[in-house]
Amino acid sequence: MIRARPIVGILFGGALVWGLFLYGAKEPQTYYRLFIFLLFPALIAALRLPLGACGSFRLFSLLVTGLFLLVPVIFQPTLNGHGFVIACLGWLALTLTLVLAEGQLKRVRIFFLFLVILGGAEALYGLIQTLGGIESLARGTFTNRNHFAGLLNMTIPIAIGGLFANFSRRGAREFPRSEAYARSWVIILSITFMGLAVFLSLSRAGTIVLVATLAFIAILLNLARSSDRTGKLPGAVAGLLLFTVLGVTCWVGIDALVSRFETADLDMTSRVTVYRDSLGLIAEHALLGVGPRMYQWRFRPYQTADAAGWYTHAHNDYLESAAEWGIPVALLFWGFVVWRLWRSTVLFLESQDAWKQGIALGCAGAIFSILLHSLVDFNLQIPANWMIFCMILGLTWSLESPASSAN
């Protein structure tokens, strides 16, 4: 009999690759098809996999959230319901990740490897674009360089988490030192390519977030070494990675990125005006919001910046989520994200298992990068990035299972 779990995993992974390939699945026809496609692995999981393993509270909260999101998709008109479809994509990604990875570090490692390969392939495509003279900047399969950088800034910490686990387990009986160093060099090379692609995307926010995320990871690594000095990855490795990426970028050419930062003041002035206008929209719809994906239609009467322009997004995920979902739901979601960041950090510092530590470190870094990037951009409004972020939330939540093991 064919086992259900591999089928669900392959369909889920294929959907993510498909969404990324089609410009991040940002077009309605794409994310509707993606949503319908993902219903198949979700149905298989519901019928064949032991959902009870997720724990009663988690299963109950996921079911309630799913019903809250699915009912409007069925009964609302298309214009009012398509925002719920995107929200459902994130819910499906989180739920499927949790069901597939729950309690099994071996499965979580497969997710980690998948994300590193995904980020590496995206970075390679972006590097071919810019170094091959096809484009003036790296954007990968996205139409917006900031979303390309946002994806890579989520996968770079994941790769560093894998590097931590490999370094910590070097010399183990089932993990020879030579193999550990070989894997570590492959991971370092992948991180260098991804970091270079972030710089060549000419994304100012992406560049700042990359540096800040590496600094955050360096702090966590140093905290871990101060509590246990037995062969942990030093925090200086984050600085070494940044130095390597900067060196390669300078060799390739950094003038265009410097020029981008010279225009930051002008762009930020208009952004601040949009933020202020968005607060006016939020103030009048504080409780229930204007509806998911309705910001672009409801913001116009409040807009004072660039009267001839049309803002489809607030360029700030916090403000946009509050405007569309209402302050209570936005606080609930962002509270959950901050909680997962905190728990990932605690798991990294307290766990005695190298792989659990590496996974927690990677997830903490990825969540931190999005929390920072969301201040000035809308990565979570892009379905592919939104799904990958929810997958990472599911991975870190799966580590909380008391049944979690290295099997």
Protein backbone atom coordinates (compact mmCIF):
# COMPACT_ATOMS: atom_id res chain seq x y z
CA MET A 1 0.00 0.00 0.00
CA ILE A 2 1.33 3.45 -0.92
CA ARG A 3 2.01 5.53 2.16
CA ALA A 4 0.12 8.81 2.40
CA ARG A 5 2.84 10.95 4.00
CA PRO A 6 5.29 10.97 1.04
CA ILE A 7 2.45 11.76 -1.37
CA VAL A 8 1.30 14.69 0.78
CA GLY A 9 4.87 15.95 1.09
CA ILE A 10 5.58 15.75 -2.64
CA LEU A 11 2.34 17.52 -3.56
CA PHE A 12 2.96 20.20 -0.95
CA GLY A 13 6.57 20.79 -2.07
CA GLY A 14 5.52 20.78 -5.71
CA ALA A 15 2.88 23.43 -5.00
CA LEU A 16 5.47 25.71 -3.39
CA VAL A 17 7.87 25.34 -6.32
CA TRP A 18 5.01 25.98 -8.74
CA GLY A 19 3.98 29.13 -6.86
CA LEU A 20 7.53 30.47 -6.84
CA PHE A 21 8.03 29.73 -10.53
CA LEU A 22 4.91 31.77 -11.38
CA TYR A 23 6.25 35.07 -10.02
CA GLY A 24 5.52 34.23 -6.39
CA ALA A 25 1.89 33.29 -7.21
CA LYS A 26 0.91 36.96 -6.95
CA GLU A 27 -1.73 36.84 -9.68
CA PRO A 28 -5.31 35.81 -8.69
CA GLN A 29 -5.58 33.03 -11.27
CA THR A 30 -2.35 31.53 -9.92
CA TYR A 31 -3.13 31.56 -6.22
CA TYR A 32 -6.68 30.29 -6.84
CA ARG A 33 -5.24 27.31 -8.73
CA LEU A 34 -2.63 26.84 -6.02
CA PHE A 35 -5.35 26.83 -3.38
CA ILE A 36 -7.42 24.23 -5.25
CA PHE A 37 -4.34 22.09 -5.85
CA LEU A 38 -3.38 22.15 -2.15
CA LEU A 39 -6.83 20.91 -1.16
CA PHE A 40 -5.82 17.47 -2.48
CA PRO A 41 -2.88 16.89 -0.12
CA ALA A 42 -4.93 18.43 2.69
CA LEU A 43 -7.74 15.94 2.01
CA ILE A 44 -5.27 13.03 1.90
CA ALA A 45 -3.77 14.20 5.19
CA ALA A 46 -7.20 14.47 6.80
CA LEU A 47 -8.20 10.96 5.69
CA ARG A 48 -4.95 9.01 6.05
CA LEU A 49 -2.59 10.69 8.53
CA PRO A 50 -2.83 10.61 12.35
CA LEU A 51 -3.91 14.21 12.92
CA GLY A 52 -4.31 13.53 16.62
CA ALA A 53 -0.52 13.54 16.89
CA CYS A 54 -0.64 17.31 16.54
CA GLY A 55 -2.04 17.60 20.06
CA SER A 56 -5.60 18.47 21.00
CA PHE A 57 -5.03 22.21 21.49
CA ARG A 58 -3.10 22.65 18.27
CA LEU A 59 -5.56 20.55 16.28
CA PHE A 60 -8.52 22.44 17.71
CA SER A 61 -6.96 25.87 17.04
CA LEU A 62 -6.06 24.85 13.48
CA LEU A 63 -9.58 23.57 12.78
CA VAL A 64 -11.20 26.74 14.15
CA THR A 65 -8.85 28.95 12.12
CA GLY A 66 -9.46 26.87 9.01
CA LEU A 67 -13.24 27.17 9.32
CA PHE A 68 -12.92 30.92 9.91
CA LEU A 69 -10.95 31.26 6.66
CA LEU A 70 -12.72 28.71 4.45
CA VAL A 71 -16.33 29.80 5.03
CA PRO A 72 -15.85 33.26 3.41
CA VAL A 73 -14.09 31.62 0.44
CA ILE A 74 -17.21 29.54 -0.19
CA PHE A 75 -19.93 32.11 0.47
CA GLN A 76 -18.36 35.51 -0.30
CA PRO A 77 -18.26 37.05 -3.80
CA THR A 78 -14.94 36.62 -5.58
CA LEU A 79 -13.78 40.20 -4.96
CA ASN A 80 -14.46 39.92 -1.22
CA GLY A 81 -13.27 36.32 -0.91
CA HIS A 82 -9.94 36.28 -2.72
CA GLY A 83 -8.08 37.69 0.29
CA PHE A 84 -9.33 34.75 2.33
CA VAL A 85 -7.91 32.42 -0.35
CA ILE A 86 -4.42 33.82 0.25
CA ALA A 87 -4.92 33.49 4.01
CA CYS A 88 -6.00 29.88 3.44
CA LEU A 89 -2.75 29.19 1.57
CA GLY A 90 -0.80 30.17 4.67
CA TRP A 91 -3.09 28.10 6.89
CA LEU A 92 -2.67 25.08 4.63
CA ALA A 93 1.12 25.51 4.61
CA LEU A 94 1.30 25.72 8.41
CA THR A 95 -1.11 22.82 8.94
CA LEU A 96 0.49 20.47 6.41
CA THR A 97 3.96 21.25 7.77
CA LEU A 98 2.83 20.56 11.32
CA VAL A 99 1.10 17.31 10.35
CA LEU A 100 4.04 16.06 8.28
CA ALA A 101 6.84 17.10 10.66
CA GLU A 102 5.20 16.66 14.07
CA GLY A 103 7.49 14.90 16.53
CA GLN A 104 10.04 13.74 13.96
CA LEU A 105 13.28 15.68 13.56
CA LYS A 106 14.19 13.57 10.54
CA ARG A 107 11.18 14.94 8.67
CA VAL A 108 11.95 18.47 9.83
CA ARG A 109 15.46 18.06 8.40
CA ILE A 110 13.88 17.18 5.05
CA PHE A 111 11.90 20.44 5.18
CA PHE A 112 15.11 22.28 6.05
CA LEU A 113 16.96 20.75 3.10
CA PHE A 114 14.04 21.62 0.82
CA LEU A 115 14.08 25.27 1.92
CA VAL A 116 17.87 25.55 1.45
CA ILE A 117 17.63 24.04 -2.04
CA LEU A 118 14.73 26.37 -2.84
CA GLY A 119 16.67 29.43 -1.68
CA GLY A 120 19.83 28.27 -3.43
CA ALA A 121 18.01 27.70 -6.73
CA GLU A 122 16.30 31.09 -6.47
CA ALA A 123 19.63 32.77 -5.73
CA LEU A 124 21.34 31.00 -8.64
CA TYR A 125 18.61 32.16 -11.01
CA GLY A 126 18.98 35.73 -9.72
CA LEU A 127 22.75 35.62 -10.13
CA ILE A 128 22.40 34.36 -13.70
CA GLN A 129 20.06 37.28 -14.40
CA THR A 130 22.43 39.98 -13.21
CA LEU A 131 25.87 38.48 -13.85
CA GLY A 132 24.74 37.16 -17.21
CA GLY A 133 23.64 40.62 -18.30
CA ILE A 134 19.97 39.63 -18.65
CA GLU A 135 18.79 42.10 -15.99
CA SER A 136 20.38 45.06 -14.23
CA LEU A 137 19.55 43.51 -10.86
CA ALA A 138 18.69 40.12 -9.37
CA ARG A 139 15.01 39.41 -8.86
CA GLY A 140 14.80 35.66 -9.45
CA THR A 141 11.31 34.44 -10.27
CA PHE A 142 9.73 37.49 -8.60
CA THR A 143 8.70 40.75 -10.23
CA ASN A 144 9.87 42.72 -7.17
CA ARG A 145 13.46 42.57 -5.95
CA ASN A 146 12.38 43.16 -2.34
CA HIS A 147 10.34 39.96 -2.31
CA PHE A 148 13.23 38.07 -3.86
CA ALA A 149 15.47 39.38 -1.05
CA GLY A 150 12.75 38.57 1.48
CA LEU A 151 12.71 34.91 0.44
CA LEU A 152 16.51 34.63 0.60
CA ASN A 153 16.62 36.31 4.00
CA MET A 154 14.33 33.54 5.25
CA THR A 155 16.38 30.72 3.76
CA ILE A 156 19.84 32.01 4.73
CA PRO A 157 19.15 31.53 8.49
CA ILE A 158 17.78 28.07 7.71
CA ALA A 159 21.08 27.22 6.03
CA ILE A 160 23.01 28.60 9.02
CA GLY A 161 20.90 26.38 11.28
CA GLY A 162 21.98 23.40 9.20
CA LEU A 163 25.59 24.58 9.44
CA PHE A 164 25.28 24.75 13.24
CA ALA A 165 23.93 21.18 13.42
CA ASN A 166 26.65 19.83 11.12
CA PHE A 167 29.40 21.60 13.06
CA SER A 168 28.08 20.45 16.44
CA ARG A 169 27.79 16.81 15.33
CA ARG A 170 31.20 16.55 13.69
CA GLY A 171 33.10 13.52 14.90
CA ALA A 172 29.96 11.63 15.96
CA ARG A 173 30.05 7.89 15.27
CA GLU A 174 27.24 8.07 12.69
CA PHE A 175 28.51 11.39 11.34
CA PRO A 176 32.27 11.27 10.48
CA ARG A 177 34.30 14.47 10.82
CA SER A 178 35.25 14.52 7.12
CA GLU A 179 31.61 14.27 6.07
CA ALA A 180 30.62 17.00 8.51
CA TYR A 181 33.25 19.39 7.12
CA ALA A 182 32.29 18.55 3.54
CA ARG A 183 28.63 19.33 4.25
CA SER A 184 29.59 22.48 6.11
CA TRP A 185 31.58 23.81 3.14
CA VAL A 186 28.65 23.11 0.80
CA ILE A 187 26.32 25.00 3.14
CA ILE A 188 28.76 27.93 3.44
CA LEU A 189 28.99 28.12 -0.36
CA SER A 190 25.19 28.14 -0.61
CA ILE A 191 24.93 30.91 2.00
CA THR A 192 27.53 32.97 0.12
CA PHE A 193 25.57 32.66 -3.13
CA MET A 194 22.31 33.59 -1.41
CA GLY A 195 23.89 36.56 0.38
CA LEU A 196 25.48 37.77 -2.86
CA ALA A 197 22.10 37.54 -4.58
CA VAL A 198 20.53 39.69 -1.84
CA PHE A 199 23.14 42.42 -2.41
CA LEU A 200 22.80 42.21 -6.19
CA SER A 201 19.03 42.56 -5.91
CA LEU A 202 19.80 46.20 -4.95
CA SER A 203 17.11 45.93 -2.27
CA ARG A 204 17.97 48.41 0.46
CA ALA A 205 15.63 46.81 2.98
CA GLY A 206 16.84 43.34 2.01
CA THR A 207 20.47 44.36 2.54
CA ILE A 208 19.81 45.92 5.95
CA VAL A 209 17.71 42.95 7.04
CA LEU A 210 20.45 40.51 5.98
CA VAL A 211 23.07 42.35 8.06
CA ALA A 212 20.70 42.64 11.05
CA THR A 213 19.69 38.97 10.84
CA LEU A 214 23.32 37.84 10.78
CA ALA A 215 23.96 40.04 13.82
CA PHE A 216 20.96 38.50 15.59
CA ILE A 217 22.23 34.99 14.82
CA ALA A 218 25.73 35.94 16.02
CA ILE A 219 24.25 37.04 19.36
CA LEU A 220 22.38 33.73 19.75
CA LEU A 221 25.49 31.72 18.86
CA ASN A 222 27.56 33.60 21.43
CA LEU A 223 24.88 33.06 24.09
CA ALA A 224 24.89 29.34 23.32
CA ARG A 225 28.70 29.14 23.57
CA SER A 226 28.75 31.04 26.86
CA SER A 227 26.45 28.44 28.41
CA ASP A 228 28.20 25.42 26.82
CA ARG A 229 31.73 25.67 25.43
CA THR A 230 31.89 22.13 24.07
CA GLY A 231 32.35 22.59 20.36
CA LYS A 232 29.53 25.00 19.50
CA LEU A 233 29.62 27.10 16.35
CA PRO A 234 31.17 30.49 17.25
CA GLY A 235 29.19 33.68 16.74
CA ALA A 236 32.11 35.04 14.71
CA VAL A 237 31.04 32.73 11.87
CA ALA A 238 28.11 35.07 11.13
CA GLY A 239 30.55 37.97 10.77
CA LEU A 240 32.83 35.83 8.62
CA LEU A 241 29.91 34.96 6.33
CA LEU A 242 28.98 38.63 6.03
CA PHE A 243 32.61 39.57 5.31
CA THR A 244 32.81 36.86 2.63
CA VAL A 245 29.57 37.98 0.98
CA LEU A 246 30.65 41.63 1.05
CA GLY A 247 34.02 40.71 -0.41
CA VAL A 248 32.47 38.78 -3.28
CA THR A 249 29.95 41.60 -3.85
CA CYS A 250 32.70 44.23 -4.02
CA TRP A 251 34.56 42.06 -6.49
CA VAL A 252 31.45 41.70 -8.66
CA GLY A 253 30.41 45.34 -8.29
CA ILE A 254 28.73 47.26 -5.48
CA ASP A 255 28.35 50.72 -7.05
CA ALA A 256 24.69 50.24 -8.00
CA LEU A 257 23.77 49.24 -4.44
CA VAL A 258 25.52 52.29 -3.01
CA SER A 259 23.60 54.49 -5.47
CA ARG A 260 20.33 52.92 -4.29
CA PHE A 261 21.05 53.94 -0.70
CA GLU A 262 21.70 57.52 -1.82
CA THR A 263 18.02 57.85 -2.82
CA ALA A 264 16.68 56.40 0.44
CA ASP A 265 15.60 59.73 1.97
CA LEU A 266 13.23 60.63 -0.88
CA ASP A 267 11.55 57.21 -0.94
CA MET A 268 11.22 57.06 2.83
CA THR A 269 9.46 60.43 2.94
CA SER A 270 6.64 59.13 0.72
CA ARG A 271 6.50 55.87 2.70
CA VAL A 272 6.03 57.75 5.97
CA THR A 273 3.14 59.66 4.42
CA VAL A 274 1.52 56.39 3.33
CA TYR A 275 1.97 55.00 6.85
CA ARG A 276 0.29 58.06 8.33
CA ASP A 277 -2.60 57.82 5.88
CA SER A 278 -2.95 54.10 6.63
CA LEU A 279 -3.36 54.92 10.31
CA GLY A 280 -6.38 57.02 9.34
CA LEU A 281 -7.88 54.02 7.54
CA ILE A 282 -7.17 51.78 10.53
CA ALA A 283 -8.73 54.26 12.98
CA GLU A 284 -12.08 54.11 11.17
CA HIS A 285 -12.09 50.29 10.83
CA ALA A 286 -10.21 49.32 13.98
CA LEU A 287 -12.35 46.38 15.06
CA LEU A 288 -13.12 44.37 11.90
CA GLY A 289 -10.92 46.00 9.27
CA VAL A 290 -11.86 46.59 5.65
CA GLY A 291 -11.43 42.95 4.65
CA PRO A 292 -8.43 40.94 3.42
CA ARG A 293 -6.90 42.23 0.16
CA MET A 294 -9.28 45.22 0.24
CA TYR A 295 -6.63 47.77 1.23
CA GLN A 296 -6.03 48.80 -2.38
CA TRP A 297 -9.73 49.62 -2.86
CA ARG A 298 -10.37 51.34 0.49
CA PHE A 299 -7.16 53.35 0.93
CA ARG A 300 -7.75 55.86 -1.87
CA PRO A 301 -9.99 58.30 0.12
CA TYR A 302 -7.28 58.54 2.81
CA GLN A 303 -4.35 58.93 0.40
CA THR A 304 -2.47 62.26 0.49
CA ALA A 305 0.86 61.11 -0.97
CA ASP A 306 1.24 61.11 -4.76
CA ALA A 307 -2.40 61.88 -5.56
CA ALA A 308 -1.97 60.54 -9.12
CA GLY A 309 -0.58 57.22 -7.87
CA TRP A 310 -2.40 54.10 -6.72
CA TYR A 311 -1.13 52.28 -3.67
CA THR A 312 -2.07 48.61 -3.67
CA HIS A 313 -0.14 47.94 -0.45
CA ALA A 314 0.87 49.88 2.65
CA HIS A 315 4.54 48.81 2.31
CA ASN A 316 4.24 47.75 5.95
CA ASP A 317 2.78 44.34 6.81
CA TYR A 318 1.83 45.44 10.33
CA LEU A 319 -0.26 48.38 9.15
CA GLU A 320 -1.77 46.46 6.24
CA SER A 321 -2.81 43.52 8.41
CA ALA A 322 -4.40 45.87 10.94
CA ALA A 323 -6.23 47.76 8.18
CA GLU A 324 -7.55 44.62 6.48
CA TRP A 325 -8.23 42.26 9.40
CA GLY A 326 -8.80 44.71 12.23
CA ILE A 327 -6.55 45.38 15.20
CA PRO A 328 -7.67 42.36 17.34
CA VAL A 329 -6.93 39.77 14.62
CA ALA A 330 -3.68 41.52 13.65
CA LEU A 331 -2.52 41.51 17.26
CA LEU A 332 -3.43 37.84 17.57
CA PHE A 333 -1.42 36.91 14.47
CA TRP A 334 1.65 39.02 15.26
CA GLY A 335 1.51 37.85 18.86
CA PHE A 336 1.68 34.27 17.60
CA VAL A 337 4.67 35.14 15.39
CA VAL A 338 6.54 36.84 18.26
CA TRP A 339 5.72 33.87 20.50
CA ARG A 340 7.24 31.48 17.95
CA LEU A 341 10.35 33.67 17.75
CA TRP A 342 10.67 33.59 21.53
CA ARG A 343 10.09 29.83 21.76
CA SER A 344 12.56 29.17 18.93
CA THR A 345 15.18 31.22 20.76
CA VAL A 346 14.55 29.39 24.04
CA LEU A 347 14.67 25.99 22.33
CA PHE A 348 17.97 26.88 20.69
CA LEU A 349 19.53 27.93 23.98
CA GLU A 350 18.13 25.10 26.11
CA SER A 351 18.00 22.03 23.89
CA GLN A 352 20.74 19.40 24.11
CA ASP A 353 20.11 17.98 20.64
CA ALA A 354 22.28 19.51 17.90
CA TRP A 355 19.67 19.21 15.17
CA LYS A 356 16.87 20.58 17.32
CA GLN A 357 19.13 23.51 18.17
CA GLY A 358 20.00 24.05 14.51
CA ILE A 359 16.36 23.97 13.46
CA ALA A 360 15.36 26.37 16.23
CA LEU A 361 18.22 28.73 15.30
CA GLY A 362 17.25 28.72 11.62
CA CYS A 363 13.57 29.33 12.36
CA ALA A 364 14.36 32.11 14.84
CA GLY A 365 16.57 33.87 12.29
CA ALA A 366 13.97 33.51 9.51
CA ILE A 367 11.16 34.85 11.71
CA PHE A 368 13.36 37.74 12.88
CA SER A 369 14.15 38.68 9.27
CA ILE A 370 10.46 38.88 8.31
CA LEU A 371 9.53 40.81 11.46
CA LEU A 372 12.17 43.39 10.53
CA HIS A 373 11.47 43.43 6.79
CA SER A 374 7.73 43.84 7.41
CA LEU A 375 8.38 47.33 8.79
CA VAL A 376 9.06 48.67 5.29
CA ASP A 377 7.68 46.11 2.86
CA PHE A 378 4.88 43.60 2.16
CA ASN A 379 6.55 40.21 1.78
CA LEU A 380 3.64 38.47 3.52
CA GLN A 381 1.24 39.77 0.87
CA ILE A 382 3.05 37.66 -1.75
CA PRO A 383 1.47 34.16 -1.62
CA ALA A 384 4.70 32.17 -2.15
CA ASN A 385 6.62 34.05 0.56
CA TRP A 386 3.57 33.92 2.82
CA MET A 387 3.38 30.12 2.47
CA ILE A 388 7.10 29.65 3.11
CA PHE A 389 6.89 31.84 6.20
CA CYS A 390 3.93 29.82 7.50
CA MET A 391 5.90 26.63 6.79
CA ILE A 392 8.70 27.97 9.00
CA LEU A 393 6.16 28.77 11.74
CA GLY A 394 4.92 25.19 11.45
CA LEU A 395 8.45 23.80 11.70
CA THR A 396 9.23 25.66 14.90
CA TRP A 397 5.84 24.73 16.37
CA SER A 398 6.47 21.06 15.60
CA LEU A 399 9.56 21.19 17.85
CA GLU A 400 7.29 21.74 20.85
CA SER A 401 5.92 18.20 20.63
CA PRO A 402 6.88 16.04 23.62
CA ALA A 403 7.28 13.18 21.13
CA SER A 404 9.91 15.07 19.15
CA SER A 405 12.86 12.82 18.45
CA ALA A 406 15.70 12.32 16.03
CA ASN A 407 13.98 9.34 14.39
